[in-house]
Amino acid sequence: MPKTKDLTNRRSGKLLAIKPTGMRNTHGNVMWLCKCDCGNTACVSAELLNNKAAKSCGCINKERRKIKNAFKPDFRNHSTNYSESKSEREINSRCDNDEAYSEILKYVQGK
């Protein structure tokens, strides 16, 4: 095995390499214990640290998802039941009588 580079105190994005773990990944790269700026630790391969491909422990993606989802409408509390087909919703909106609705629904579904 070739001698491994000392990556101690090398920064890659928010990660700071602390020490090698003694383990290797499936590609044979040494795994390093890294400390993220957010306070978490992560185990990252030397290849990702050398290429600056590892940016964080995952906190960057969590922040991006949080921001992205903040601008999405919340359909969970919407009154429309999306499991119903369009024709079922149309029938439901036109029928006030539950018994008539169920008869029409049976006819539409072919039961």
Protein backbone atom coordinates (compact mmCIF):
# COMPACT_ATOMS: atom_id res chain seq x y z
CA MET A 1 0.00 0.00 0.00
CA PRO A 2 1.26 3.47 -0.82
CA LYS A 3 2.00 5.82 2.02
CA THR A 4 -1.02 7.96 2.90
CA LYS A 5 -0.83 11.75 2.86
CA ASP A 6 -1.22 13.53 6.15
CA LEU A 7 -4.43 15.53 5.80
CA THR A 8 -4.55 16.68 9.43
CA ASN A 9 -5.93 20.23 9.71
CA ARG A 10 -6.76 20.32 5.99
CA ARG A 11 -10.02 22.11 5.24
CA SER A 12 -12.58 21.05 2.64
CA GLY A 13 -15.64 23.31 2.69
CA LYS A 14 -16.94 23.26 6.26
CA LEU A 15 -14.96 20.11 7.15
CA LEU A 16 -11.66 20.06 9.00
CA ALA A 17 -9.71 16.77 8.88
CA ILE A 18 -8.77 15.65 12.40
CA LYS A 19 -7.22 12.18 12.14
CA PRO A 20 -7.32 9.00 10.07
CA THR A 21 -9.71 6.37 11.40
CA GLY A 22 -7.65 3.36 10.34
CA MET A 23 -10.47 2.15 8.09
CA ARG A 24 -10.59 2.17 4.30
CA ASN A 25 -13.57 2.47 1.99
CA THR A 26 -14.36 0.00 -0.81
CA HIS A 27 -11.98 1.85 -3.16
CA GLY A 28 -9.08 1.50 -0.70
CA ASN A 29 -9.04 5.15 0.37
CA VAL A 30 -8.24 6.00 3.97
CA MET A 31 -11.24 7.31 5.92
CA TRP A 32 -10.68 10.47 7.96
CA LEU A 33 -12.53 11.73 11.00
CA CYS A 34 -13.58 15.32 10.25
CA LYS A 35 -15.15 18.06 12.33
CA CYS A 36 -17.78 20.22 10.66
CA ASP A 37 -18.24 23.92 11.42
CA CYS A 38 -21.77 23.11 12.66
CA GLY A 39 -20.27 20.91 15.40
CA ASN A 40 -20.98 17.45 13.96
CA THR A 41 -18.36 14.92 13.02
CA ALA A 42 -18.21 12.97 9.78
CA CYS A 43 -16.12 10.13 8.39
CA VAL A 44 -14.88 11.15 4.91
CA SER A 45 -12.56 9.43 2.45
CA ALA A 46 -9.17 10.97 1.69
CA GLU A 47 -10.10 11.16 -1.99
CA LEU A 48 -13.09 13.41 -1.26
CA LEU A 49 -10.97 15.60 1.00
CA ASN A 50 -8.18 15.90 -1.59
CA ASN A 51 -10.62 16.75 -4.38
CA LYS A 52 -12.52 19.19 -2.14
CA ALA A 53 -15.67 17.24 -3.08
CA ALA A 54 -16.79 16.85 0.54
CA LYS A 55 -18.25 20.17 1.66
CA SER A 56 -19.94 19.35 4.96
CA CYS A 57 -21.35 16.63 7.21
CA GLY A 58 -24.68 17.02 5.42
CA CYS A 59 -25.73 20.25 7.09
CA ILE A 60 -25.48 22.25 3.85
CA ASN A 61 -28.04 20.01 2.15
CA LYS A 62 -30.30 20.20 5.21
CA GLU A 63 -30.16 24.00 5.09
CA ARG A 64 -30.88 24.03 1.34
CA ARG A 65 -33.87 21.70 1.77
CA LYS A 66 -35.20 23.82 4.61
CA ILE A 67 -35.00 26.97 2.48
CA LYS A 68 -36.45 25.23 -0.58
CA ASN A 69 -39.36 23.74 1.37
CA ALA A 70 -40.14 27.06 3.05
CA PHE A 71 -41.40 28.39 -0.28
CA LYS A 72 -43.43 25.29 -1.24
CA PRO A 73 -47.15 25.33 -0.57
CA ASP A 74 -48.32 22.87 2.07
CA PHE A 75 -50.82 20.53 0.43
CA ARG A 76 -51.19 18.25 3.44
CA ASN A 77 -53.86 20.46 5.00
CA HIS A 78 -55.59 21.12 1.69
CA SER A 79 -59.24 20.11 1.60
CA THR A 80 -58.93 18.21 -1.70
CA ASN A 81 -58.24 14.53 -1.35
CA TYR A 82 -55.64 13.78 -4.01
CA SER A 83 -56.22 10.03 -3.79
CA GLU A 84 -59.59 10.58 -5.46
CA SER A 85 -59.79 10.71 -9.22
CA LYS A 86 -60.89 13.90 -10.95
CA SER A 87 -64.34 12.46 -11.75
CA GLU A 88 -64.84 11.46 -8.10
CA ARG A 89 -64.00 14.97 -6.93
CA GLU A 90 -66.39 16.47 -9.50
CA ILE A 91 -69.19 14.14 -8.39
CA ASN A 92 -68.46 14.88 -4.76
CA SER A 93 -68.62 18.62 -5.36
CA ARG A 94 -72.01 18.33 -7.10
CA CYS A 95 -73.74 15.95 -4.69
CA ASP A 96 -75.16 17.08 -1.39
CA ASN A 97 -76.87 13.76 -0.73
CA ASP A 98 -74.45 11.10 0.55
CA GLU A 99 -76.67 8.24 -0.64
CA ALA A 100 -76.91 9.65 -4.17
CA TYR A 101 -73.17 10.25 -4.18
CA SER A 102 -72.40 6.66 -3.25
CA GLU A 103 -74.76 5.33 -5.96
CA ILE A 104 -73.18 7.54 -8.64
CA LEU A 105 -69.71 6.60 -7.44
CA LYS A 106 -70.53 2.87 -7.70
CA TYR A 107 -71.80 3.43 -11.24
CA VAL A 108 -68.67 5.37 -12.27
CA GLN A 109 -66.32 2.79 -10.76
CA GLY A 110 -68.29 -0.04 -12.40
CA LYS A 111 -69.22 -1.87 -9.20
